[in-house]
Amino acid sequence: REVDIHVDWVGFSIPNEFVVGYGLDYNEIYRNLPFIGVLRPTIYQGT
C-alpha cells in the first residue's frame, strides 16, 4: 500500500529495484553483504 508521509530527513534515495545487503535479504541470503547492492531480476524471477 502507498501512504503519503512527510519525512524530515532522507538517508538516500534508490530506484524501484530489489536491493540487498546491510541486513536486507532475499530468501534469507545476501543480508551479510557489507554494501547495498541491486539483485539481478533473474535471481528472484527464477529464470
Protein backbone atom coordinates (compact mmCIF):
# COMPACT_ATOMS: atom_id res chain seq x y z
CA ARG A 1 0.00 0.00 0.00
CA GLU A 2 1.10 3.57 -0.50
CA VAL A 3 0.75 6.32 2.08
CA ASP A 4 1.68 9.99 1.78
CA ILE A 5 4.12 10.83 4.54
CA HIS A 6 6.31 13.83 5.30
CA VAL A 7 9.86 12.99 6.36
CA ASP A 8 12.40 15.40 7.79
CA TRP A 9 15.49 13.52 6.60
CA VAL A 10 16.16 11.09 3.76
CA GLY A 11 19.22 8.88 4.14
CA PHE A 12 19.36 8.05 0.44
CA SER A 13 17.01 7.52 -2.48
CA ILE A 14 17.12 4.48 -4.74
CA PRO A 15 15.27 3.43 -7.87
CA ASN A 16 12.45 0.90 -7.62
CA GLU A 17 14.72 -2.16 -7.61
CA PHE A 18 15.25 -5.13 -5.28
CA VAL A 19 18.16 -4.24 -3.01
CA VAL A 20 20.11 -6.47 -0.62
CA GLY A 21 22.91 -6.09 1.90
CA TYR A 22 23.36 -4.46 5.33
CA GLY A 23 20.58 -6.62 6.78
CA LEU A 24 18.31 -6.56 3.72
CA ASP A 25 17.95 -10.04 2.29
CA TYR A 26 16.34 -12.18 -0.35
CA ASN A 27 15.34 -15.71 0.62
CA GLU A 28 17.48 -15.36 3.78
CA ILE A 29 20.69 -14.77 1.82
CA TYR A 30 22.74 -11.68 0.90
CA ARG A 31 21.94 -9.91 4.20
CA ASN A 32 25.56 -10.01 5.39
CA LEU A 33 26.92 -8.07 2.42
CA PRO A 34 28.92 -5.05 3.62
CA PHE A 35 27.22 -2.85 1.00
CA ILE A 36 23.81 -2.21 -0.57
CA GLY A 37 23.50 -3.93 -3.94
CA VAL A 38 20.83 -4.43 -6.58
CA LEU A 39 19.70 -8.03 -7.02
CA ARG A 40 19.52 -9.19 -10.63
CA PRO A 41 15.92 -9.91 -11.70
CA THR A 42 16.95 -13.39 -12.90
CA ILE A 43 17.59 -14.30 -9.24
CA TYR A 44 14.10 -13.51 -7.94
CA GLN A 45 12.13 -14.21 -11.13
CA GLY A 46 13.52 -17.73 -11.37
CA THR A 47 14.62 -17.51 -14.99
